[in-house]
Amino acid sequence: MLLPLQVLAASFLVQDSQLPLNEDVKVPVHLGVMSRCPDALLCESIFDKVLTRVGGKVDLSLVYVGRLDNSEPDFGVQCKHGPVECAGNVQQLCVAKYATFNQWWEFVQCQNYQGKENIGKPETALKCARSALFEWDGQISQCVGEEASGKGEEGVALLHESVKLGKSMGIEKSCTIFINGREVCIRDETWRNCEEGHTANDFIRQINNEYERINSNGYGRARVDVALPRPRLDLTLF
């Protein structure tokens, strides 16, 4: 399934003048997830393996599935697995914005390792910040909110933006996988619509193919802008 034209324009805008002429374009990869969803945890574990092989070729982000609801008092969003899941979404979004890519991804993996029933809890967030080797105090703490509650104004605004993006992309299920603007696979208790496979090697192959395609014929002179806050990628760890 291809994204609507207006979403592609916002999320995958190519701008020739912003990078040196010899810099390659990374492949945008979006995972539509819910932070406490078992299918999301499975997808993220698979993409942990993907990143070890093609981390330098991808621009990975998580897009959170939810429903905007002004009557929800703390988040203004209904999350399928409850308000604590909304808090987990906010924690991950704030870390994505203010930490490096590798710190953010380690934070997500650490939360997942604690078990889905602990994702979103303040003590889990603080423990995983220590594991990922970044300071919680400062911008991340302010973004997430008092006592790592997930109710910070900035973090809640990031959650709203993410939910709106997911809706505009047509994401309804966690986990939905997009590679370069194209829906390639869904994990919803079972694998669905995965024409090119659903293993780590399958996604690595698809990413390599897209990377070669978009960087052939001089297209590597561009930059891909993604509509979510972008964590910084430290290529030395891949």
Foldseek 3Di string as FASTA:
>chain_A
DFFPPVLCCQFFPKDLPPDALQAAEAKEKEWEAQLLDPLQLVLLVQVVVLCVPQVVRYQYDYFYAWAQACVPPQQSTGGPVDPLSLLLQLLLQLCQQPAAPQLSSQLSNQLVVVHSVRRSPLVSNVVSNVVSPDDCPDSSDQSCDPSSNNRHPNSSVLNVVRNVSCVSRVDDAGTWMDIRRRTQWGDDVHIPNNPQDDGSVSVSVVSVVVSCVCPPPSNRSIYTHGNGRHHHYDVVVD
